N, C-alpha and C. Protein backbone atom coordinates (compact mmCIF):
# COMPACT_ATOMS: atom_id res chain seq x y z
N MET A 1 104.54 -139.35 -15.40
CA MET A 1 104.79 -138.94 -16.77
C MET A 1 105.64 -137.67 -16.81
N ILE A 2 105.42 -136.76 -15.90
CA ILE A 2 106.20 -135.52 -15.91
C ILE A 2 107.67 -135.79 -15.61
N TRP A 3 107.94 -136.77 -14.74
CA TRP A 3 109.32 -137.10 -14.42
C TRP A 3 110.03 -137.71 -15.62
N ARG A 4 109.30 -138.48 -16.38
CA ARG A 4 109.87 -139.08 -17.60
C ARG A 4 110.23 -137.97 -18.59
N PHE A 5 109.34 -137.00 -18.72
CA PHE A 5 109.60 -135.88 -19.63
C PHE A 5 110.81 -135.08 -19.17
N ILE A 6 110.89 -134.80 -17.88
CA ILE A 6 112.04 -134.07 -17.34
C ILE A 6 113.32 -134.84 -17.59
N TYR A 7 113.28 -136.16 -17.39
CA TYR A 7 114.46 -136.99 -17.65
C TYR A 7 114.86 -136.91 -19.13
N LEU A 8 113.88 -137.04 -20.03
CA LEU A 8 114.19 -136.99 -21.46
C LEU A 8 114.77 -135.64 -21.87
N VAL A 9 114.23 -134.56 -21.33
CA VAL A 9 114.75 -133.22 -21.65
C VAL A 9 116.17 -133.06 -21.12
N ALA A 10 116.40 -133.51 -19.88
CA ALA A 10 117.75 -133.41 -19.31
C ALA A 10 118.74 -134.25 -20.11
N HIS A 11 118.32 -135.43 -20.50
CA HIS A 11 119.19 -136.31 -21.31
C HIS A 11 119.49 -135.67 -22.65
N GLN A 12 118.47 -135.06 -23.27
CA GLN A 12 118.66 -134.39 -24.55
C GLN A 12 119.60 -133.20 -24.43
N LEU A 13 119.48 -132.45 -23.35
CA LEU A 13 120.38 -131.31 -23.13
C LEU A 13 121.82 -131.78 -22.97
N GLY A 14 122.01 -132.88 -22.24
CA GLY A 14 123.35 -133.44 -22.08
C GLY A 14 123.94 -133.88 -23.41
N ASP A 15 123.10 -134.55 -24.22
CA ASP A 15 123.56 -134.97 -25.55
C ASP A 15 123.88 -133.77 -26.43
N SER A 16 123.06 -132.73 -26.34
CA SER A 16 123.30 -131.53 -27.14
C SER A 16 124.61 -130.86 -26.76
N LEU A 17 124.89 -130.81 -25.47
CA LEU A 17 126.14 -130.23 -25.00
C LEU A 17 127.34 -131.03 -25.50
N ARG A 18 127.24 -132.36 -25.38
CA ARG A 18 128.33 -133.22 -25.86
C ARG A 18 128.50 -133.08 -27.37
N PHE A 19 127.37 -133.05 -28.09
CA PHE A 19 127.42 -132.98 -29.55
C PHE A 19 127.97 -131.64 -30.02
N SER A 20 127.69 -130.56 -29.29
CA SER A 20 128.15 -129.24 -29.71
C SER A 20 129.67 -129.10 -29.60
N ARG A 21 130.29 -129.93 -28.80
CA ARG A 21 131.75 -129.85 -28.62
C ARG A 21 132.53 -130.71 -29.62
N LEU A 22 131.82 -131.48 -30.43
CA LEU A 22 132.48 -132.34 -31.40
C LEU A 22 132.94 -131.54 -32.62
N ALA A 23 133.97 -132.01 -33.26
CA ALA A 23 134.42 -131.41 -34.51
C ALA A 23 133.40 -131.76 -35.61
N PRO A 24 133.30 -130.93 -36.66
CA PRO A 24 132.33 -131.21 -37.72
C PRO A 24 132.48 -132.60 -38.36
N ASP A 25 133.70 -133.06 -38.54
CA ASP A 25 133.90 -134.40 -39.11
C ASP A 25 133.38 -135.49 -38.16
N ASP A 26 133.59 -135.29 -36.87
CA ASP A 26 133.09 -136.26 -35.89
C ASP A 26 131.57 -136.28 -35.87
N LYS A 27 130.94 -135.11 -36.04
CA LYS A 27 129.49 -135.04 -36.08
C LYS A 27 128.95 -135.80 -37.28
N THR A 28 129.60 -135.62 -38.42
CA THR A 28 129.18 -136.31 -39.63
C THR A 28 129.29 -137.82 -39.46
N ILE A 29 130.39 -138.28 -38.90
CA ILE A 29 130.59 -139.70 -38.70
C ILE A 29 129.54 -140.26 -37.74
N GLU A 30 129.25 -139.52 -36.67
CA GLU A 30 128.25 -140.00 -35.71
C GLU A 30 126.87 -140.07 -36.34
N LEU A 31 126.51 -139.07 -37.14
CA LEU A 31 125.21 -139.09 -37.80
C LEU A 31 125.11 -140.25 -38.79
N LEU A 32 126.15 -140.50 -39.54
CA LEU A 32 126.14 -141.62 -40.48
C LEU A 32 126.03 -142.95 -39.74
N LEU A 33 126.73 -143.07 -38.63
CA LEU A 33 126.65 -144.28 -37.82
C LEU A 33 125.24 -144.49 -37.27
N LEU A 34 124.62 -143.43 -36.77
CA LEU A 34 123.26 -143.54 -36.24
C LEU A 34 122.25 -143.90 -37.33
N ARG A 35 122.41 -143.32 -38.50
CA ARG A 35 121.51 -143.68 -39.61
C ARG A 35 121.66 -145.14 -39.99
N GLN A 36 122.88 -145.64 -40.01
CA GLN A 36 123.10 -147.05 -40.33
C GLN A 36 122.47 -147.95 -39.27
N GLN A 37 122.59 -147.56 -38.00
CA GLN A 37 121.98 -148.34 -36.93
C GLN A 37 120.46 -148.35 -37.07
N LEU A 38 119.87 -147.23 -37.45
CA LEU A 38 118.43 -147.18 -37.66
C LEU A 38 117.99 -148.10 -38.79
N LEU A 39 118.75 -148.13 -39.86
CA LEU A 39 118.42 -149.03 -40.97
C LEU A 39 118.45 -150.48 -40.52
N ILE A 40 119.44 -150.83 -39.73
CA ILE A 40 119.55 -152.21 -39.24
C ILE A 40 118.37 -152.56 -38.33
N VAL A 41 118.00 -151.65 -37.44
CA VAL A 41 116.89 -151.90 -36.53
C VAL A 41 115.58 -152.04 -37.31
N ARG A 42 115.37 -151.18 -38.29
CA ARG A 42 114.15 -151.27 -39.11
C ARG A 42 114.06 -152.60 -39.84
N ARG A 43 115.17 -153.08 -40.31
CA ARG A 43 115.19 -154.36 -41.03
C ARG A 43 114.79 -155.52 -40.13
N HIS A 44 115.16 -155.46 -38.86
CA HIS A 44 114.94 -156.58 -37.95
C HIS A 44 113.63 -156.48 -37.17
N GLN A 45 112.92 -155.36 -37.27
CA GLN A 45 111.66 -155.21 -36.54
C GLN A 45 110.50 -155.68 -37.39
N LYS A 46 109.60 -156.42 -36.77
CA LYS A 46 108.41 -156.88 -37.48
C LYS A 46 107.40 -155.75 -37.64
N ARG A 47 107.21 -154.96 -36.61
CA ARG A 47 106.27 -153.84 -36.65
C ARG A 47 106.98 -152.58 -36.18
N GLY A 48 106.31 -151.46 -36.35
CA GLY A 48 106.91 -150.18 -35.99
C GLY A 48 107.20 -150.05 -34.51
N PRO A 49 107.99 -149.07 -34.16
CA PRO A 49 108.33 -148.86 -32.74
C PRO A 49 107.14 -148.33 -31.96
N THR A 50 107.11 -148.61 -30.68
CA THR A 50 106.08 -148.03 -29.82
C THR A 50 106.70 -146.80 -29.16
N ILE A 51 106.10 -145.66 -29.43
CA ILE A 51 106.63 -144.39 -28.94
C ILE A 51 105.61 -143.81 -27.96
N THR A 52 106.09 -143.43 -26.80
CA THR A 52 105.20 -142.84 -25.80
C THR A 52 104.86 -141.40 -26.17
N ARG A 53 103.85 -140.86 -25.53
CA ARG A 53 103.48 -139.46 -25.78
C ARG A 53 104.61 -138.51 -25.43
N THR A 54 105.33 -138.82 -24.36
CA THR A 54 106.44 -137.98 -23.93
C THR A 54 107.53 -137.96 -25.00
N GLU A 55 107.84 -139.12 -25.54
CA GLU A 55 108.87 -139.20 -26.59
C GLU A 55 108.41 -138.48 -27.85
N LYS A 56 107.12 -138.59 -28.17
CA LYS A 56 106.59 -137.87 -29.33
C LYS A 56 106.71 -136.37 -29.15
N LEU A 57 106.41 -135.89 -27.94
CA LEU A 57 106.52 -134.46 -27.65
C LEU A 57 107.96 -133.98 -27.80
N LEU A 58 108.90 -134.76 -27.28
CA LEU A 58 110.31 -134.39 -27.40
C LEU A 58 110.76 -134.39 -28.87
N LEU A 59 110.34 -135.40 -29.64
CA LEU A 59 110.70 -135.45 -31.06
C LEU A 59 110.10 -134.27 -31.82
N LEU A 60 108.85 -133.93 -31.51
CA LEU A 60 108.22 -132.80 -32.17
C LEU A 60 108.96 -131.50 -31.87
N THR A 61 109.37 -131.34 -30.63
CA THR A 61 110.12 -130.14 -30.24
C THR A 61 111.44 -130.06 -31.00
N LEU A 62 112.14 -131.18 -31.12
CA LEU A 62 113.41 -131.19 -31.85
C LEU A 62 113.21 -130.92 -33.34
N VAL A 63 112.15 -131.48 -33.92
CA VAL A 63 111.88 -131.25 -35.34
C VAL A 63 111.60 -129.77 -35.58
N GLU A 64 110.84 -129.15 -34.69
CA GLU A 64 110.54 -127.73 -34.85
C GLU A 64 111.80 -126.87 -34.72
N GLN A 65 112.75 -127.29 -33.90
CA GLN A 65 114.00 -126.55 -33.78
C GLN A 65 114.87 -126.75 -35.01
N LEU A 66 114.79 -127.91 -35.65
CA LEU A 66 115.60 -128.18 -36.84
C LEU A 66 115.00 -127.60 -38.11
N ARG A 67 113.71 -127.35 -38.11
CA ARG A 67 113.04 -126.88 -39.33
C ARG A 67 113.70 -125.65 -39.94
N PRO A 68 114.04 -124.59 -39.19
CA PRO A 68 114.69 -123.43 -39.81
C PRO A 68 116.08 -123.74 -40.35
N ILE A 69 116.74 -124.73 -39.79
CA ILE A 69 118.09 -125.08 -40.23
C ILE A 69 118.03 -125.88 -41.53
N VAL A 70 117.09 -126.79 -41.62
CA VAL A 70 117.01 -127.71 -42.77
C VAL A 70 116.38 -127.02 -43.97
N GLU A 71 115.31 -126.27 -43.77
CA GLU A 71 114.63 -125.62 -44.87
C GLU A 71 115.36 -124.35 -45.28
N LEU A 72 115.62 -124.23 -46.55
CA LEU A 72 116.28 -123.04 -47.06
C LEU A 72 115.23 -121.97 -47.35
N PRO A 73 115.41 -120.76 -46.86
CA PRO A 73 114.42 -119.71 -47.12
C PRO A 73 114.36 -119.36 -48.60
N GLY A 74 113.13 -119.20 -49.10
CA GLY A 74 112.95 -118.81 -50.49
C GLY A 74 113.06 -119.94 -51.48
N ARG A 75 113.31 -121.13 -51.03
CA ARG A 75 113.45 -122.28 -51.94
C ARG A 75 112.16 -123.08 -51.94
N ASN A 76 111.58 -123.29 -53.11
CA ASN A 76 110.36 -124.08 -53.25
C ASN A 76 110.73 -125.43 -53.86
N TRP A 77 110.62 -126.49 -53.07
CA TRP A 77 111.06 -127.82 -53.50
C TRP A 77 110.05 -128.50 -54.41
N SER A 78 108.85 -127.96 -54.54
CA SER A 78 107.84 -128.61 -55.37
C SER A 78 108.04 -128.31 -56.86
N ASP A 79 108.90 -127.36 -57.19
CA ASP A 79 109.16 -127.01 -58.60
C ASP A 79 109.96 -128.07 -59.31
């Protein structure tokens, strides 16, 4: 399990490096393409995806890193 986690982290770092070198328009296009692919996969799946604990840990780590970027300070969305 630890080797799987190390592989996922290394793969994520490689993707982050590649993604950081893209132009903003290219990043937007890639994100839109990935969202469309997710919609297609969800439509064709009978049940939800099976996610391992390692993948959940990596996703949680990424969500925590994105939280300060996505949430605007001082903005209350419940109003």
